[in-house]
């Protein structure tokens, strides 16, 4: 798995990744979700899920689209007033 961009927003995460296998992104999100939820639940003494639903993904195949997607992700915190 190659992670090109990762941006943590206040209520969601943006990732731009290139998986090595077709199932790679699903496996990554399953692992991150499992570990992150355990960490949050332990830290804040809570139980249950954190996510509203399954993650969504879109294939980016053209270089121009890849660059636009990367730019969108990188500028998202600025547009949201986080930085």
PDB file of N, CA and C in Angstrom:
ATOM      1  N   UNK A   1       0.856  -1.171   0.000  1.00  0.00           N
ATOM      2  CA  UNK A   1       0.000   0.000   0.000  1.00  0.00           C
ATOM      3  C   UNK A   1       0.893   1.223   0.000  1.00  0.00           C
ATOM      4  N   UNK A   2       0.649   2.110  -0.923  1.00  0.00           N
ATOM      5  CA  UNK A   2       1.367   3.386  -0.951  1.00  0.00           C
ATOM      6  C   UNK A   2       0.374   4.491  -0.595  1.00  0.00           C
ATOM      7  N   UNK A   3       0.657   5.219   0.482  1.00  0.00           N
ATOM      8  CA  UNK A   3      -0.206   6.324   0.890  1.00  0.00           C
ATOM      9  C   UNK A   3       0.384   7.608   0.337  1.00  0.00           C
ATOM     10  N   UNK A   4      -0.344   8.232  -0.587  1.00  0.00           N
ATOM     11  CA  UNK A   4       0.111   9.469  -1.209  1.00  0.00           C
ATOM     12  C   UNK A   4      -0.222  10.671  -0.340  1.00  0.00           C
ATOM     13  N   UNK A   5      -1.437  10.706   0.181  1.00  0.00           N
ATOM     14  CA  UNK A   5      -1.915  11.829   0.982  1.00  0.00           C
ATOM     15  C   UNK A   5      -2.843  11.305   2.062  1.00  0.00           C
ATOM     16  N   UNK A   6      -2.718  11.873   3.251  1.00  0.00           N
ATOM     17  CA  UNK A   6      -3.608  11.550   4.363  1.00  0.00           C
ATOM     18  C   UNK A   6      -3.894  12.836   5.121  1.00  0.00           C
ATOM     19  N   UNK A   7      -5.161  13.204   5.223  1.00  0.00           N
ATOM     20  CA  UNK A   7      -5.552  14.419   5.932  1.00  0.00           C
ATOM     21  C   UNK A   7      -6.661  14.069   6.923  1.00  0.00           C
ATOM     22  N   UNK A   8      -6.444  14.420   8.180  1.00  0.00           N
ATOM     23  CA  UNK A   8      -7.428  14.185   9.232  1.00  0.00           C
ATOM     24  C   UNK A   8      -8.260  15.446   9.415  1.00  0.00           C
ATOM     25  N   UNK A   9      -9.543  15.322   9.155  1.00  0.00           N
ATOM     26  CA  UNK A   9     -10.473  16.420   9.381  1.00  0.00           C
ATOM     27  C   UNK A   9     -11.111  16.203  10.758  1.00  0.00           C
ATOM     28  N   UNK A  10     -11.967  17.115  11.186  1.00  0.00           N
ATOM     29  CA  UNK A  10     -12.575  16.957  12.511  1.00  0.00           C
ATOM     30  C   UNK A  10     -13.546  15.792  12.574  1.00  0.00           C
ATOM     31  N   UNK A  11     -14.201  15.468  11.459  1.00  0.00           N
ATOM     32  CA  UNK A  11     -15.194  14.397  11.490  1.00  0.00           C
ATOM     33  C   UNK A  11     -15.022  13.350  10.395  1.00  0.00           C
ATOM     34  N   UNK A  12     -13.919  13.403   9.659  1.00  0.00           N
ATOM     35  CA  UNK A  12     -13.647  12.387   8.649  1.00  0.00           C
ATOM     36  C   UNK A  12     -12.176  12.437   8.244  1.00  0.00           C
ATOM     37  N   UNK A  13     -11.772  11.480   7.438  1.00  0.00           N
ATOM     38  CA  UNK A  13     -10.383  11.361   6.991  1.00  0.00           C
ATOM     39  C   UNK A  13     -10.379  11.255   5.473  1.00  0.00           C
ATOM     40  N   UNK A  14      -9.401  11.902   4.849  1.00  0.00           N
ATOM     41  CA  UNK A  14      -9.187  11.751   3.414  1.00  0.00           C
ATOM     42  C   UNK A  14      -7.881  10.989   3.207  1.00  0.00           C
ATOM     43  N   UNK A  15      -7.926   9.944   2.400  1.00  0.00           N
ATOM     44  CA  UNK A  15      -6.734   9.180   2.046  1.00  0.00           C
ATOM     45  C   UNK A  15      -6.650   9.081   0.530  1.00  0.00           C
ATOM     46  N   UNK A  16      -5.463   9.219   0.002  1.00  0.00           N
ATOM     47  CA  UNK A  16      -5.217   8.965  -1.415  1.00  0.00           C
ATOM     48  C   UNK A  16      -4.161   7.875  -1.442  1.00  0.00           C
ATOM     49  N   UNK A  17      -4.568   6.662  -1.784  1.00  0.00           N
ATOM     50  CA  UNK A  17      -3.688   5.495  -1.684  1.00  0.00           C
ATOM     51  C   UNK A  17      -3.646   4.726  -2.994  1.00  0.00           C
ATOM     52  N   UNK A  18      -2.569   3.976  -3.160  1.00  0.00           N
ATOM     53  CA  UNK A  18      -2.446   3.023  -4.254  1.00  0.00           C
ATOM     54  C   UNK A  18      -2.266   1.647  -3.623  1.00  0.00           C
ATOM     55  N   UNK A  19      -3.308   0.808  -3.670  1.00  0.00           N
ATOM     56  CA  UNK A  19      -3.195  -0.523  -3.064  1.00  0.00           C
ATOM     57  C   UNK A  19      -2.388  -1.469  -3.950  1.00  0.00           C
ATOM     58  N   UNK A  20      -1.754  -2.461  -3.315  1.00  0.00           N
ATOM     59  CA  UNK A  20      -1.001  -3.472  -4.057  1.00  0.00           C
ATOM     60  C   UNK A  20      -1.922  -4.560  -4.600  1.00  0.00           C
ATOM     61  N   UNK A  21      -3.075  -4.747  -3.945  1.00  0.00           N
ATOM     62  CA  UNK A  21      -4.037  -5.755  -4.370  1.00  0.00           C
ATOM     63  C   UNK A  21      -5.415  -5.103  -4.458  1.00  0.00           C
ATOM     64  N   UNK A  22      -6.356  -5.716  -5.160  1.00  0.00           N
ATOM     65  CA  UNK A  22      -7.709  -5.155  -5.246  1.00  0.00           C
ATOM     66  C   UNK A  22      -8.390  -5.003  -3.880  1.00  0.00           C
ATOM     67  N   UNK A  23      -8.041  -5.867  -2.921  1.00  0.00           N
ATOM     68  CA  UNK A  23      -8.649  -5.822  -1.598  1.00  0.00           C
ATOM     69  C   UNK A  23      -7.863  -4.936  -0.632  1.00  0.00           C
ATOM     70  N   UNK A  24      -6.757  -4.377  -1.083  1.00  0.00           N
ATOM     71  CA  UNK A  24      -5.846  -3.646  -0.202  1.00  0.00           C
ATOM     72  C   UNK A  24      -6.485  -2.512   0.562  1.00  0.00           C
ATOM     73  N   UNK A  25      -7.293  -1.702  -0.099  1.00  0.00           N
ATOM     74  CA  UNK A  25      -7.914  -0.564   0.567  1.00  0.00           C
ATOM     75  C   UNK A  25      -8.902  -1.030   1.633  1.00  0.00           C
ATOM     76  N   UNK A  26      -9.683  -2.039   1.320  1.00  0.00           N
ATOM     77  CA  UNK A  26     -10.627  -2.582   2.308  1.00  0.00           C
ATOM     78  C   UNK A  26      -9.891  -3.124   3.520  1.00  0.00           C
ATOM     79  N   UNK A  27      -8.803  -3.842   3.289  1.00  0.00           N
ATOM     80  CA  UNK A  27      -8.028  -4.400   4.405  1.00  0.00           C
ATOM     81  C   UNK A  27      -7.398  -3.291   5.239  1.00  0.00           C
ATOM     82  N   UNK A  28      -6.896  -2.252   4.592  1.00  0.00           N
ATOM     83  CA  UNK A  28      -6.323  -1.119   5.315  1.00  0.00           C
ATOM     84  C   UNK A  28      -7.369  -0.476   6.213  1.00  0.00           C
ATOM     85  N   UNK A  29      -8.531  -0.182   5.657  1.00  0.00           N
ATOM     86  CA  UNK A  29      -9.577   0.493   6.419  1.00  0.00           C
ATOM     87  C   UNK A  29     -10.099  -0.390   7.554  1.00  0.00           C
ATOM     88  N   UNK A  30     -10.180  -1.685   7.320  1.00  0.00           N
ATOM     89  CA  UNK A  30     -10.605  -2.609   8.379  1.00  0.00           C
ATOM     90  C   UNK A  30      -9.613  -2.580   9.534  1.00  0.00           C
ATOM     91  N   UNK A  31      -8.333  -2.621   9.218  1.00  0.00           N
ATOM     92  CA  UNK A  31      -7.303  -2.611  10.246  1.00  0.00           C
ATOM     93  C   UNK A  31      -7.264  -1.284  10.991  1.00  0.00           C
ATOM     94  N   UNK A  32      -7.284  -0.184  10.268  1.00  0.00           N
ATOM     95  CA  UNK A  32      -7.276   1.139  10.901  1.00  0.00           C
ATOM     96  C   UNK A  32      -8.516   1.307  11.768  1.00  0.00           C
ATOM     97  N   UNK A  33      -9.664   0.942  11.229  1.00  0.00           N
ATOM     98  CA  UNK A  33     -10.908   1.072  11.976  1.00  0.00           C
ATOM     99  C   UNK A  33     -10.892   0.275  13.259  1.00  0.00           C
ATOM    100  N   UNK A  34     -10.436  -0.950  13.186  1.00  0.00           N
ATOM    101  CA  UNK A  34     -10.408  -1.808  14.369  1.00  0.00           C
ATOM    102  C   UNK A  34      -9.475  -1.230  15.423  1.00  0.00           C
ATOM    103  N   UNK A  35      -8.277  -0.852  15.033  1.00  0.00           N
ATOM    104  CA  UNK A  35      -7.301  -0.340  16.000  1.00  0.00           C
ATOM    105  C   UNK A  35      -7.687   1.033  16.537  1.00  0.00           C
ATOM    106  N   UNK A  36      -8.157   1.906  15.688  1.00  0.00           N
ATOM    107  CA  UNK A  36      -8.518   3.258  16.103  1.00  0.00           C
ATOM    108  C   UNK A  36      -9.710   3.233  17.053  1.00  0.00           C
ATOM    109  N   UNK A  37     -10.718   2.439  16.725  1.00  0.00           N
ATOM    110  CA  UNK A  37     -11.903   2.354  17.587  1.00  0.00           C
ATOM    111  C   UNK A  37     -11.506   1.803  18.954  1.00  0.00           C
ATOM    112  N   UNK A  38     -10.659   0.782  18.989  1.00  0.00           N
ATOM    113  CA  UNK A  38     -10.205   0.244  20.271  1.00  0.00           C
ATOM    114  C   UNK A  38      -9.471   1.308  21.075  1.00  0.00           C
ATOM    115  N   UNK A  39      -8.603   2.066  20.418  1.00  0.00           N
ATOM    116  CA  UNK A  39      -7.849   3.119  21.090  1.00  0.00           C
ATOM    117  C   UNK A  39      -8.791   4.183  21.663  1.00  0.00           C
ATOM    118  N   UNK A  40      -9.711   4.672  20.861  1.00  0.00           N
ATOM    119  CA  UNK A  40     -10.648   5.710  21.308  1.00  0.00           C
ATOM    120  C   UNK A  40     -11.521   5.188  22.441  1.00  0.00           C
ATOM    121  N   UNK A  41     -12.050   3.984  22.290  1.00  0.00           N
ATOM    122  CA  UNK A  41     -12.910   3.415  23.329  1.00  0.00           C
ATOM    123  C   UNK A  41     -12.158   3.239  24.647  1.00  0.00           C
ATOM    124  N   UNK A  42     -10.913   2.771  24.576  1.00  0.00           N
ATOM    125  CA  UNK A  42     -10.106   2.621  25.790  1.00  0.00           C
ATOM    126  C   UNK A  42      -9.771   3.994  26.401  1.00  0.00           C
ATOM    127  N   UNK A  43      -9.342   4.922  25.574  1.00  0.00           N
ATOM    128  CA  UNK A  43      -8.920   6.242  26.050  1.00  0.00           C
ATOM    129  C   UNK A  43     -10.064   7.015  26.694  1.00  0.00           C
ATOM    130  N   UNK A  44     -11.244   6.953  26.080  1.00  0.00           N
ATOM    131  CA  UNK A  44     -12.371   7.745  26.564  1.00  0.00           C
ATOM    132  C   UNK A  44     -13.411   6.921  27.325  1.00  0.00           C
ATOM    133  N   UNK A  45     -13.023   5.681  27.679  1.00  0.00           N
ATOM    134  CA  UNK A  45     -13.890   4.797  28.467  1.00  0.00           C
ATOM    135  C   UNK A  45     -15.302   4.717  27.890  1.00  0.00           C
ATOM    136  N   UNK A  46     -15.343   4.350  26.621  1.00  0.00           N
ATOM    137  CA  UNK A  46     -16.622   4.226  25.942  1.00  0.00           C
ATOM    138  C   UNK A  46     -16.690   2.873  25.252  1.00  0.00           C
ATOM    139  N   UNK A  47     -17.848   2.517  24.728  1.00  0.00           N
ATOM    140  CA  UNK A  47     -18.022   1.272  23.980  1.00  0.00           C
ATOM    141  C   UNK A  47     -18.772   1.591  22.695  1.00  0.00           C
ATOM    142  N   UNK A  48     -18.671   0.683  21.749  1.00  0.00           N
ATOM    143  CA  UNK A  48     -19.437   0.826  20.512  1.00  0.00           C
ATOM    144  C   UNK A  48     -18.610   1.325  19.346  1.00  0.00           C
ATOM    145  N   UNK A  49     -19.298   1.562  18.265  1.00  0.00           N
ATOM    146  CA  UNK A  49     -18.654   1.968  17.020  1.00  0.00           C
ATOM    147  C   UNK A  49     -18.516   3.484  16.946  1.00  0.00           C
ATOM    148  N   UNK A  50     -17.585   3.947  16.131  1.00  0.00           N
ATOM    149  CA  UNK A  50     -17.391   5.375  15.908  1.00  0.00           C
ATOM    150  C   UNK A  50     -17.930   5.802  14.547  1.00  0.00           C
ATOM    151  N   UNK A  51     -18.033   4.869  13.644  1.00  0.00           N
ATOM    152  CA  UNK A  51     -18.347   5.182  12.253  1.00  0.00           C
ATOM    153  C   UNK A  51     -19.847   5.176  11.999  1.00  0.00           C
ATOM    154  N   UNK A  52     -20.287   6.065  11.143  1.00  0.00           N
ATOM    155  CA  UNK A  52     -21.692   6.101  10.739  1.00  0.00           C
ATOM    156  C   UNK A  52     -21.995   5.043   9.690  1.00  0.00           C
ATOM    157  N   UNK A  53     -21.011   4.668   8.919  1.00  0.00           N
ATOM    158  CA  UNK A  53     -21.215   3.666   7.879  1.00  0.00           C
ATOM    159  C   UNK A  53     -19.892   3.245   7.278  1.00  0.00           C
ATOM    160  N   UNK A  54     -19.983   2.439   6.254  1.00  0.00           N
ATOM    161  CA  UNK A  54     -18.800   1.935   5.560  1.00  0.00           C
ATOM    162  C   UNK A  54     -18.091   3.075   4.847  1.00  0.00           C
ATOM    163  N   UNK A  55     -16.783   2.939   4.688  1.00  0.00           N
ATOM    164  CA  UNK A  55     -16.026   3.946   3.968  1.00  0.00           C
ATOM    165  C   UNK A  55     -16.424   3.939   2.488  1.00  0.00           C
ATOM    166  N   UNK A  56     -16.200   5.038   1.828  1.00  0.00           N
ATOM    167  CA  UNK A  56     -16.449   5.109   0.390  1.00  0.00           C
ATOM    168  C   UNK A  56     -15.123   5.334  -0.315  1.00  0.00           C
ATOM    169  N   UNK A  57     -15.057   4.867  -1.546  1.00  0.00           N
ATOM    170  CA  UNK A  57     -13.831   5.030  -2.317  1.00  0.00           C
ATOM    171  C   UNK A  57     -14.171   5.270  -3.775  1.00  0.00           C
ATOM    172  N   UNK A  58     -13.239   5.872  -4.458  1.00  0.00           N
ATOM    173  CA  UNK A  58     -13.366   6.127  -5.896  1.00  0.00           C
ATOM    174  C   UNK A  58     -12.028   5.855  -6.544  1.00  0.00           C
ATOM    175  N   UNK A  59     -12.049   5.208  -7.692  1.00  0.00           N
ATOM    176  CA  UNK A  59     -10.811   4.949  -8.430  1.00  0.00           C
ATOM    177  C   UNK A  59     -10.401   6.214  -9.177  1.00  0.00           C
ATOM    178  N   UNK A  60      -9.130   6.561  -9.060  1.00  0.00           N
ATOM    179  CA  UNK A  60      -8.571   7.711  -9.773  1.00  0.00           C
ATOM    180  C   UNK A  60      -7.544   7.151 -10.743  1.00  0.00           C
ATOM    181  N   UNK A  61      -7.808   7.259 -12.043  1.00  0.00           N
ATOM    182  CA  UNK A  61      -6.942   6.600 -13.004  1.00  0.00           C
ATOM    183  C   UNK A  61      -6.108   7.551 -13.852  1.00  0.00           C
ATOM    184  N   UNK A  62      -6.633   8.706 -14.179  1.00  0.00           N
ATOM    185  CA  UNK A  62      -5.886   9.644 -15.005  1.00  0.00           C
ATOM    186  C   UNK A  62      -5.008  10.527 -14.136  1.00  0.00           C
ATOM    187  N   UNK A  63      -3.821  10.869 -14.642  1.00  0.00           N
ATOM    188  CA  UNK A  63      -2.889  11.685 -13.877  1.00  0.00           C
ATOM    189  C   UNK A  63      -3.497  13.031 -13.485  1.00  0.00           C
ATOM    190  N   UNK A  64      -4.221  13.645 -14.396  1.00  0.00           N
ATOM    191  CA  UNK A  64      -4.847  14.943 -14.108  1.00  0.00           C
ATOM    192  C   UNK A  64      -5.838  14.810 -12.948  1.00  0.00           C
ATOM    193  N   UNK A  65      -6.639  13.769 -12.953  1.00  0.00           N
ATOM    194  CA  UNK A  65      -7.599  13.539 -11.872  1.00  0.00           C
ATOM    195  C   UNK A  65      -6.886  13.262 -10.559  1.00  0.00           C
ATOM    196  N   UNK A  66      -5.779  12.533 -10.625  1.00  0.00           N
ATOM    197  CA  UNK A  66      -4.976  12.246  -9.441  1.00  0.00           C
ATOM    198  C   UNK A  66      -4.476  13.553  -8.815  1.00  0.00           C
ATOM    199  N   UNK A  67      -3.955  14.451  -9.641  1.00  0.00           N
ATOM    200  CA  UNK A  67      -3.442  15.724  -9.148  1.00  0.00           C
ATOM    201  C   UNK A  67      -4.556  16.598  -8.571  1.00  0.00           C
ATOM    202  N   UNK A  68      -5.717  16.623  -9.229  1.00  0.00           N
ATOM    203  CA  UNK A  68      -6.859  17.396  -8.724  1.00  0.00           C
ATOM    204  C   UNK A  68      -7.350  16.844  -7.386  1.00  0.00           C
ATOM    205  N   UNK A  69      -7.399  15.540  -7.285  1.00  0.00           N
ATOM    206  CA  UNK A  69      -7.841  14.887  -6.042  1.00  0.00           C
ATOM    207  C   UNK A  69      -6.854  15.189  -4.914  1.00  0.00           C
ATOM    208  N   UNK A  70      -5.575  15.094  -5.208  1.00  0.00           N
ATOM    209  CA  UNK A  70      -4.551  15.384  -4.218  1.00  0.00           C
ATOM    210  C   UNK A  70      -4.649  16.838  -3.751  1.00  0.00           C
ATOM    211  N   UNK A  71      -4.842  17.743  -4.674  1.00  0.00           N
ATOM    212  CA  UNK A  71      -4.977  19.166  -4.336  1.00  0.00           C
ATOM    213  C   UNK A  71      -6.210  19.407  -3.456  1.00  0.00           C
ATOM    214  N   UNK A  72      -7.321  18.773  -3.823  1.00  0.00           N
ATOM    215  CA  UNK A  72      -8.549  18.912  -3.034  1.00  0.00           C
ATOM    216  C   UNK A  72      -8.316  18.462  -1.594  1.00  0.00           C
ATOM    217  N   UNK A  73      -7.692  17.299  -1.433  1.00  0.00           N
ATOM    218  CA  UNK A  73      -7.446  16.751  -0.105  1.00  0.00           C
ATOM    219  C   UNK A  73      -6.524  17.663   0.693  1.00  0.00           C
ATOM    220  N   UNK A  74      -5.450  18.118   0.081  1.00  0.00           N
ATOM    221  CA  UNK A  74      -4.476  18.958   0.782  1.00  0.00           C
ATOM    222  C   UNK A  74      -5.060  20.308   1.191  1.00  0.00           C
ATOM    223  N   UNK A  75      -5.966  20.877   0.385  1.00  0.00           N
ATOM    224  CA  UNK A  75      -6.529  22.187   0.686  1.00  0.00           C
ATOM    225  C   UNK A  75      -7.784  22.117   1.562  1.00  0.00           C
ATOM    226  N   UNK A  76      -8.331  20.940   1.772  1.00  0.00           N
ATOM    227  CA  UNK A  76      -9.566  20.783   2.513  1.00  0.00           C
ATOM    228  C   UNK A  76      -9.508  21.394   3.922  1.00  0.00           C
ATOM    229  N   UNK A  77      -8.460  21.170   4.713  1.00  0.00           N
ATOM    230  CA  UNK A  77      -8.421  21.778   6.054  1.00  0.00           C
ATOM    231  C   UNK A  77      -8.419  23.322   5.990  1.00  0.00           C
ATOM    232  N   UNK A  78      -7.781  23.883   5.000  1.00  0.00           N
ATOM    233  CA  UNK A  78      -7.753  25.339   4.854  1.00  0.00           C
ATOM    234  C   UNK A  78      -9.149  25.860   4.527  1.00  0.00           C
ATOM    235  N   UNK A  79      -9.800  25.204   3.594  1.00  0.00           N
ATOM    236  CA  UNK A  79     -11.159  25.621   3.213  1.00  0.00           C
ATOM    237  C   UNK A  79     -12.142  25.461   4.374  1.00  0.00           C
ATOM    238  N   UNK A  80     -11.891  24.479   5.224  1.00  0.00           N
ATOM    239  CA  UNK A  80     -12.779  24.230   6.373  1.00  0.00           C
ATOM    240  C   UNK A  80     -12.448  25.143   7.557  1.00  0.00           C
ATOM    241  N   UNK A  81     -11.410  25.963   7.415  1.00  0.00           N
ATOM    242  CA  UNK A  81     -11.030  26.882   8.478  1.00  0.00           C
ATOM    243  C   UNK A  81     -10.302  26.223   9.638  1.00  0.00           C
ATOM    244  N   UNK A  82      -9.728  25.056   9.396  1.00  0.00           N
ATOM    245  CA  UNK A  82      -9.001  24.338  10.456  1.00  0.00           C
ATOM    246  C   UNK A  82      -7.574  24.849  10.627  1.00  0.00           C
ATOM    247  N   UNK A  83      -7.025  25.443   9.582  1.00  0.00           N
ATOM    248  CA  UNK A  83      -5.647  25.969   9.648  1.00  0.00           C
ATOM    249  C   UNK A  83      -5.617  27.381   9.119  1.00  0.00           C
TER     250      UNK A  83
END
